[in-house]
Amino acid sequence: MKIWKSTLTVRSYELDSFGHVNNGTYAKYLEAARGDYLQEIGIDFNDFKAWNKFPVIAKVIIEYKAPAYLFDTLHINGKVENLGKSSVNFTYEILKDDGSLVAIAETLMVFVNEKGKPCYMPEEVRTAFSQT
């Protein structure tokens, strides 16, 4: 699968008392990157409502390698891994402009129905994920 990319700049309210990005903020960065990816492949959150199938994050693993600071530009490289019937794994690298590694991460996305029960992912999503 090919790598997709997202870029963001660290903002002041994302910092902890030590002056670097708070560890909890990285999950939000991954969410932003996934949102960018979905938009890039032509999937809108309104589509999930129409399909009555909703992606939820069931697992997040983040391994921190180096701190990021205010105004750092972070590049998030993501990749679709392990495309299942109702779930998909994403892997990520978060890098600074100079190429230094800030973190590596993995998320597990599972599709659920309106009752919150796992269901097959929409075929449109499976097709889009498998082509990237």
N, C-alpha and C. Protein backbone atom coordinates (compact mmCIF):
# COMPACT_ATOMS: atom_id res chain seq x y z
N MET A 1 0.84 -1.18 0.00
CA MET A 1 0.00 0.00 0.00
C MET A 1 0.88 1.25 0.00
N LYS A 2 0.40 2.29 -0.64
CA LYS A 2 1.20 3.51 -0.73
C LYS A 2 1.07 4.37 0.53
N ILE A 3 2.04 5.22 0.72
CA ILE A 3 2.06 6.12 1.87
C ILE A 3 1.28 7.39 1.53
N TRP A 4 0.43 7.85 2.45
CA TRP A 4 -0.25 9.13 2.31
C TRP A 4 0.31 10.09 3.34
N LYS A 5 0.20 11.38 3.06
CA LYS A 5 0.91 12.38 3.87
C LYS A 5 -0.03 13.48 4.34
N SER A 6 0.27 13.96 5.54
CA SER A 6 -0.45 15.08 6.14
C SER A 6 0.58 15.95 6.85
N THR A 7 0.34 17.25 6.91
CA THR A 7 1.28 18.17 7.55
C THR A 7 0.50 19.10 8.48
N LEU A 8 1.11 19.39 9.62
CA LEU A 8 0.51 20.34 10.55
C LEU A 8 1.60 21.08 11.30
N THR A 9 1.21 22.17 11.93
CA THR A 9 2.13 22.99 12.72
C THR A 9 1.70 22.93 14.18
N VAL A 10 2.66 22.73 15.08
CA VAL A 10 2.39 22.66 16.51
C VAL A 10 1.90 24.01 17.01
N ARG A 11 0.80 24.01 17.76
CA ARG A 11 0.21 25.23 18.31
C ARG A 11 0.46 25.30 19.82
N SER A 12 0.40 26.48 20.37
CA SER A 12 0.75 26.71 21.79
C SER A 12 -0.10 25.90 22.76
N TYR A 13 -1.37 25.76 22.49
CA TYR A 13 -2.25 25.06 23.43
C TYR A 13 -2.05 23.54 23.41
N GLU A 14 -1.19 23.03 22.53
CA GLU A 14 -0.90 21.60 22.48
C GLU A 14 0.31 21.23 23.34
N LEU A 15 0.92 22.23 23.96
CA LEU A 15 2.12 22.00 24.75
C LEU A 15 1.79 21.66 26.20
N ASP A 16 2.69 20.92 26.83
CA ASP A 16 2.54 20.66 28.26
C ASP A 16 3.40 21.64 29.05
N SER A 17 3.47 21.46 30.35
CA SER A 17 4.21 22.40 31.20
C SER A 17 5.72 22.35 30.97
N PHE A 18 6.19 21.37 30.23
CA PHE A 18 7.62 21.26 29.92
C PHE A 18 7.99 21.89 28.58
N GLY A 19 6.97 22.43 27.87
CA GLY A 19 7.23 23.14 26.64
C GLY A 19 7.25 22.29 25.38
N HIS A 20 6.92 21.02 25.49
CA HIS A 20 6.84 20.20 24.29
C HIS A 20 5.42 19.67 24.12
N VAL A 21 5.14 19.10 22.97
CA VAL A 21 3.79 18.62 22.68
C VAL A 21 3.40 17.57 23.72
N ASN A 22 2.23 17.76 24.30
CA ASN A 22 1.71 16.82 25.29
C ASN A 22 1.44 15.48 24.61
N ASN A 23 1.77 14.40 25.32
CA ASN A 23 1.63 13.08 24.70
C ASN A 23 0.21 12.79 24.23
N GLY A 24 -0.80 13.29 24.94
CA GLY A 24 -2.18 13.06 24.53
C GLY A 24 -2.55 13.73 23.22
N THR A 25 -1.82 14.76 22.85
CA THR A 25 -2.10 15.49 21.62
C THR A 25 -1.83 14.66 20.38
N TYR A 26 -0.91 13.72 20.48
CA TYR A 26 -0.55 12.93 19.30
C TYR A 26 -1.73 12.13 18.75
N ALA A 27 -2.63 11.67 19.61
CA ALA A 27 -3.82 10.96 19.12
C ALA A 27 -4.67 11.89 18.25
N LYS A 28 -4.73 13.18 18.61
CA LYS A 28 -5.45 14.16 17.80
C LYS A 28 -4.75 14.37 16.46
N TYR A 29 -3.42 14.37 16.47
CA TYR A 29 -2.68 14.50 15.22
C TYR A 29 -2.99 13.33 14.29
N LEU A 30 -3.06 12.13 14.84
CA LEU A 30 -3.38 10.95 14.03
C LEU A 30 -4.79 11.08 13.46
N GLU A 31 -5.72 11.57 14.27
CA GLU A 31 -7.10 11.79 13.82
C GLU A 31 -7.14 12.80 12.66
N ALA A 32 -6.40 13.88 12.79
CA ALA A 32 -6.34 14.88 11.73
C ALA A 32 -5.77 14.27 10.45
N ALA A 33 -4.73 13.48 10.58
CA ALA A 33 -4.11 12.85 9.41
C ALA A 33 -5.08 11.88 8.73
N ARG A 34 -5.81 11.08 9.53
CA ARG A 34 -6.80 10.17 8.94
C ARG A 34 -7.90 10.95 8.24
N GLY A 35 -8.32 12.07 8.83
CA GLY A 35 -9.33 12.91 8.18
C GLY A 35 -8.85 13.45 6.84
N ASP A 36 -7.60 13.89 6.81
CA ASP A 36 -7.00 14.35 5.55
C ASP A 36 -6.98 13.23 4.52
N TYR A 37 -6.62 12.03 4.97
CA TYR A 37 -6.56 10.87 4.08
C TYR A 37 -7.94 10.55 3.51
N LEU A 38 -8.95 10.50 4.37
CA LEU A 38 -10.30 10.21 3.89
C LEU A 38 -10.75 11.25 2.86
N GLN A 39 -10.47 12.50 3.13
CA GLN A 39 -10.81 13.56 2.18
C GLN A 39 -10.07 13.36 0.86
N GLU A 40 -8.81 12.99 0.95
CA GLU A 40 -8.00 12.78 -0.26
C GLU A 40 -8.56 11.65 -1.13
N ILE A 41 -9.10 10.61 -0.51
CA ILE A 41 -9.62 9.48 -1.29
C ILE A 41 -11.12 9.63 -1.60
N GLY A 42 -11.68 10.80 -1.25
CA GLY A 42 -13.05 11.09 -1.64
C GLY A 42 -14.14 10.57 -0.72
N ILE A 43 -13.80 10.32 0.53
CA ILE A 43 -14.80 9.85 1.49
C ILE A 43 -15.07 10.96 2.50
N ASP A 44 -16.34 11.26 2.66
CA ASP A 44 -16.79 12.32 3.56
C ASP A 44 -17.48 11.68 4.76
N PHE A 45 -17.42 12.33 5.91
CA PHE A 45 -18.08 11.79 7.09
C PHE A 45 -19.58 11.66 6.89
N ASN A 46 -20.17 12.47 6.03
CA ASN A 46 -21.59 12.32 5.72
C ASN A 46 -21.87 11.00 5.01
N ASP A 47 -20.89 10.47 4.29
CA ASP A 47 -21.05 9.17 3.65
C ASP A 47 -21.32 8.08 4.69
N PHE A 48 -20.63 8.14 5.81
CA PHE A 48 -20.82 7.13 6.84
C PHE A 48 -22.25 7.16 7.37
N LYS A 49 -22.81 8.35 7.50
CA LYS A 49 -24.21 8.47 7.93
C LYS A 49 -25.13 7.83 6.90
N ALA A 50 -24.87 8.08 5.64
CA ALA A 50 -25.70 7.52 4.57
C ALA A 50 -25.60 5.99 4.54
N TRP A 51 -24.41 5.46 4.79
CA TRP A 51 -24.22 4.00 4.79
C TRP A 51 -24.69 3.37 6.10
N ASN A 52 -24.90 4.20 7.12
CA ASN A 52 -25.27 3.73 8.45
C ASN A 52 -24.21 2.78 9.03
N LYS A 53 -22.97 3.07 8.70
CA LYS A 53 -21.81 2.32 9.19
C LYS A 53 -20.76 3.36 9.57
N PHE A 54 -20.22 3.22 10.78
CA PHE A 54 -19.40 4.28 11.34
C PHE A 54 -18.03 3.77 11.77
N PRO A 55 -16.96 4.48 11.41
CA PRO A 55 -15.61 4.06 11.84
C PRO A 55 -15.34 4.54 13.27
N VAL A 56 -14.87 3.64 14.09
CA VAL A 56 -14.43 4.00 15.44
C VAL A 56 -13.01 3.49 15.63
N ILE A 57 -12.26 4.19 16.44
CA ILE A 57 -10.89 3.77 16.73
C ILE A 57 -10.94 2.86 17.96
N ALA A 58 -10.51 1.63 17.78
CA ALA A 58 -10.55 0.63 18.85
C ALA A 58 -9.22 0.51 19.58
N LYS A 59 -8.14 0.95 18.92
CA LYS A 59 -6.82 0.82 19.55
C LYS A 59 -5.90 1.90 19.00
N VAL A 60 -5.09 2.47 19.89
CA VAL A 60 -4.06 3.44 19.52
C VAL A 60 -2.78 3.05 20.24
N ILE A 61 -1.71 2.93 19.49
CA ILE A 61 -0.38 2.69 20.06
C ILE A 61 0.53 3.79 19.53
N ILE A 62 1.18 4.50 20.45
CA ILE A 62 2.11 5.56 20.06
C ILE A 62 3.43 5.33 20.79
N GLU A 63 4.49 5.30 20.02
CA GLU A 63 5.84 5.17 20.60
C GLU A 63 6.56 6.49 20.32
N TYR A 64 6.88 7.19 21.39
CA TYR A 64 7.51 8.51 21.28
C TYR A 64 9.02 8.36 21.14
N LYS A 65 9.57 9.09 20.18
CA LYS A 65 11.00 9.00 19.89
C LYS A 65 11.76 10.28 20.24
N ALA A 66 11.12 11.44 20.05
CA ALA A 66 11.75 12.73 20.33
C ALA A 66 10.65 13.77 20.50
N PRO A 67 10.89 14.81 21.28
CA PRO A 67 9.85 15.82 21.50
C PRO A 67 9.66 16.73 20.29
N ALA A 68 8.46 17.28 20.21
CA ALA A 68 8.16 18.32 19.23
C ALA A 68 7.80 19.58 20.02
N TYR A 69 8.11 20.74 19.44
CA TYR A 69 7.97 22.01 20.13
C TYR A 69 7.10 22.98 19.34
N LEU A 70 6.76 24.09 19.99
CA LEU A 70 5.94 25.13 19.39
C LEU A 70 6.47 25.53 18.01
N PHE A 71 5.57 25.60 17.07
CA PHE A 71 5.81 26.00 15.68
C PHE A 71 6.57 24.97 14.85
N ASP A 72 6.93 23.81 15.43
CA ASP A 72 7.50 22.75 14.59
C ASP A 72 6.46 22.35 13.54
N THR A 73 6.92 22.12 12.33
CA THR A 73 6.08 21.55 11.29
C THR A 73 6.26 20.05 11.36
N LEU A 74 5.14 19.35 11.50
CA LEU A 74 5.19 17.89 11.60
C LEU A 74 4.58 17.28 10.36
N HIS A 75 5.25 16.28 9.85
CA HIS A 75 4.80 15.54 8.68
C HIS A 75 4.37 14.16 9.14
N ILE A 76 3.13 13.83 8.88
CA ILE A 76 2.60 12.53 9.28
C ILE A 76 2.44 11.68 8.03
N ASN A 77 3.21 10.61 7.96
CA ASN A 77 3.13 9.67 6.85
C ASN A 77 2.34 8.47 7.33
N GLY A 78 1.25 8.16 6.64
CA GLY A 78 0.39 7.05 7.03
C GLY A 78 0.32 6.00 5.96
N LYS A 79 -0.06 4.81 6.39
CA LYS A 79 -0.16 3.69 5.47
C LYS A 79 -1.28 2.77 5.92
N VAL A 80 -2.08 2.29 4.97
CA VAL A 80 -3.11 1.30 5.26
C VAL A 80 -2.43 -0.06 5.39
N GLU A 81 -2.75 -0.75 6.48
CA GLU A 81 -2.20 -2.09 6.72
C GLU A 81 -3.35 -3.02 7.11
N ASN A 82 -3.22 -4.28 6.82
CA ASN A 82 -4.16 -5.31 7.32
C ASN A 82 -5.62 -4.92 7.12
N LEU A 83 -6.02 -4.83 5.90
CA LEU A 83 -7.40 -4.50 5.56
C LEU A 83 -8.27 -5.73 5.77
N GLY A 84 -9.15 -5.68 6.78
CA GLY A 84 -10.03 -6.80 7.09
C GLY A 84 -11.43 -6.55 6.57
N LYS A 85 -12.37 -7.40 7.01
CA LYS A 85 -13.77 -7.26 6.58
C LYS A 85 -14.47 -6.10 7.28
N SER A 86 -14.13 -5.90 8.55
CA SER A 86 -14.77 -4.82 9.31
C SER A 86 -13.76 -3.86 9.93
N SER A 87 -12.48 -4.12 9.70
CA SER A 87 -11.46 -3.30 10.34
C SER A 87 -10.28 -3.04 9.42
N VAL A 88 -9.49 -2.05 9.83
CA VAL A 88 -8.28 -1.72 9.09
C VAL A 88 -7.27 -1.15 10.08
N ASN A 89 -6.02 -1.52 9.91
CA ASN A 89 -4.93 -0.94 10.69
C ASN A 89 -4.27 0.15 9.86
N PHE A 90 -3.92 1.24 10.53
CA PHE A 90 -3.12 2.29 9.93
C PHE A 90 -1.82 2.37 10.71
N THR A 91 -0.71 2.56 10.01
CA THR A 91 0.56 2.83 10.66
C THR A 91 1.00 4.23 10.27
N TYR A 92 1.76 4.87 11.16
CA TYR A 92 2.15 6.27 10.97
C TYR A 92 3.59 6.49 11.39
N GLU A 93 4.22 7.45 10.75
CA GLU A 93 5.48 8.04 11.20
C GLU A 93 5.23 9.54 11.31
N ILE A 94 5.67 10.12 12.41
CA ILE A 94 5.59 11.57 12.57
C ILE A 94 7.01 12.11 12.56
N LEU A 95 7.29 13.00 11.61
CA LEU A 95 8.63 13.51 11.39
C LEU A 95 8.65 15.04 11.44
N LYS A 96 9.79 15.60 11.82
CA LYS A 96 10.01 17.04 11.74
C LYS A 96 10.51 17.38 10.34
N ASP A 97 10.60 18.68 10.05
CA ASP A 97 11.09 19.14 8.75
C ASP A 97 12.46 18.57 8.40
N ASP A 98 13.32 18.41 9.40
CA ASP A 98 14.67 17.91 9.14
C ASP A 98 14.72 16.40 8.97
N GLY A 99 13.55 15.74 9.02
CA GLY A 99 13.48 14.29 8.83
C GLY A 99 13.63 13.50 10.12
N SER A 100 13.86 14.18 11.24
CA SER A 100 14.03 13.43 12.49
C SER A 100 12.68 12.86 12.94
N LEU A 101 12.74 11.66 13.47
CA LEU A 101 11.56 10.90 13.86
C LEU A 101 11.07 11.35 15.23
N VAL A 102 9.82 11.77 15.30
CA VAL A 102 9.19 12.21 16.56
C VAL A 102 8.44 11.04 17.19
N ALA A 103 7.70 10.29 16.38
CA ALA A 103 6.93 9.17 16.92
C ALA A 103 6.55 8.21 15.80
N ILE A 104 6.27 6.97 16.20
CA ILE A 104 5.64 6.00 15.31
C ILE A 104 4.35 5.58 16.01
N ALA A 105 3.35 5.23 15.21
CA ALA A 105 2.06 4.92 15.80
C ALA A 105 1.30 3.90 14.95
N GLU A 106 0.28 3.36 15.58
CA GLU A 106 -0.62 2.42 14.91
C GLU A 106 -2.02 2.65 15.47
N THR A 107 -3.02 2.60 14.60
CA THR A 107 -4.41 2.65 15.05
C THR A 107 -5.18 1.51 14.40
N LEU A 108 -6.17 1.03 15.11
CA LEU A 108 -7.09 0.03 14.58
C LEU A 108 -8.45 0.70 14.46
N MET A 109 -8.97 0.76 13.25
CA MET A 109 -10.30 1.32 12.99
C MET A 109 -11.25 0.16 12.73
N VAL A 110 -12.38 0.18 13.43
CA VAL A 110 -13.40 -0.85 13.28
C VAL A 110 -14.70 -0.16 12.87
N PHE A 111 -15.43 -0.76 11.95
CA PHE A 111 -16.72 -0.23 11.55
C PHE A 111 -17.82 -0.85 12.40
N VAL A 112 -18.74 0.02 12.84
CA VAL A 112 -19.87 -0.44 13.65
C VAL A 112 -21.17 0.10 13.05
N ASN A 113 -22.27 -0.58 13.39
CA ASN A 113 -23.58 -0.13 12.93
C ASN A 113 -24.17 0.86 13.93
N GLU A 114 -25.42 1.25 13.71
CA GLU A 114 -26.05 2.25 14.58
C GLU A 114 -26.21 1.77 16.02
N LYS A 115 -26.10 0.46 16.25
CA LYS A 115 -26.19 -0.09 17.61
C LYS A 115 -24.82 -0.28 18.24
N GLY A 116 -23.77 0.14 17.51
CA GLY A 116 -22.41 0.02 18.03
C GLY A 116 -21.81 -1.36 17.90
N LYS A 117 -22.43 -2.21 17.10
CA LYS A 117 -21.93 -3.57 16.89
C LYS A 117 -21.06 -3.61 15.64
N PRO A 118 -19.96 -4.37 15.67
CA PRO A 118 -19.11 -4.47 14.47
C PRO A 118 -19.91 -4.94 13.26
N CYS A 119 -19.57 -4.37 12.10
CA CYS A 119 -20.23 -4.72 10.85
C CYS A 119 -19.21 -4.64 9.72
N TYR A 120 -19.58 -5.15 8.58
CA TYR A 120 -18.70 -5.05 7.42
C TYR A 120 -18.51 -3.59 7.04
N MET A 121 -17.28 -3.25 6.66
CA MET A 121 -17.06 -1.88 6.21
C MET A 121 -17.74 -1.68 4.85
N PRO A 122 -18.17 -0.47 4.56
CA PRO A 122 -18.79 -0.21 3.26
C PRO A 122 -17.83 -0.58 2.11
N GLU A 123 -18.39 -1.14 1.08
CA GLU A 123 -17.58 -1.58 -0.06
C GLU A 123 -16.83 -0.41 -0.69
N GLU A 124 -17.43 0.77 -0.69
CA GLU A 124 -16.78 1.95 -1.24
C GLU A 124 -15.50 2.28 -0.47
N VAL A 125 -15.55 2.08 0.84
CA VAL A 125 -14.39 2.34 1.70
C VAL A 125 -13.32 1.29 1.44
N ARG A 126 -13.74 0.02 1.41
CA ARG A 126 -12.78 -1.08 1.15
C ARG A 126 -12.06 -0.86 -0.17
N THR A 127 -12.80 -0.48 -1.18
CA THR A 127 -12.20 -0.24 -2.51
C THR A 127 -11.22 0.91 -2.45
N ALA A 128 -11.60 2.01 -1.82
CA ALA A 128 -10.72 3.18 -1.71
C ALA A 128 -9.47 2.85 -0.93
N PHE A 129 -9.61 2.13 0.21
CA PHE A 129 -8.45 1.76 1.01
C PHE A 129 -7.52 0.82 0.24
N SER A 130 -8.08 -0.11 -0.50
CA SER A 130 -7.23 -1.09 -1.20
C SER A 130 -6.50 -0.48 -2.39
N GLN A 131 -6.95 0.67 -2.87
CA GLN A 131 -6.30 1.32 -4.01
C GLN A 131 -5.24 2.31 -3.59
N THR A 132 -5.06 2.48 -2.28
CA THR A 132 -4.05 3.43 -1.80
C THR A 132 -2.97 2.72 -1.04
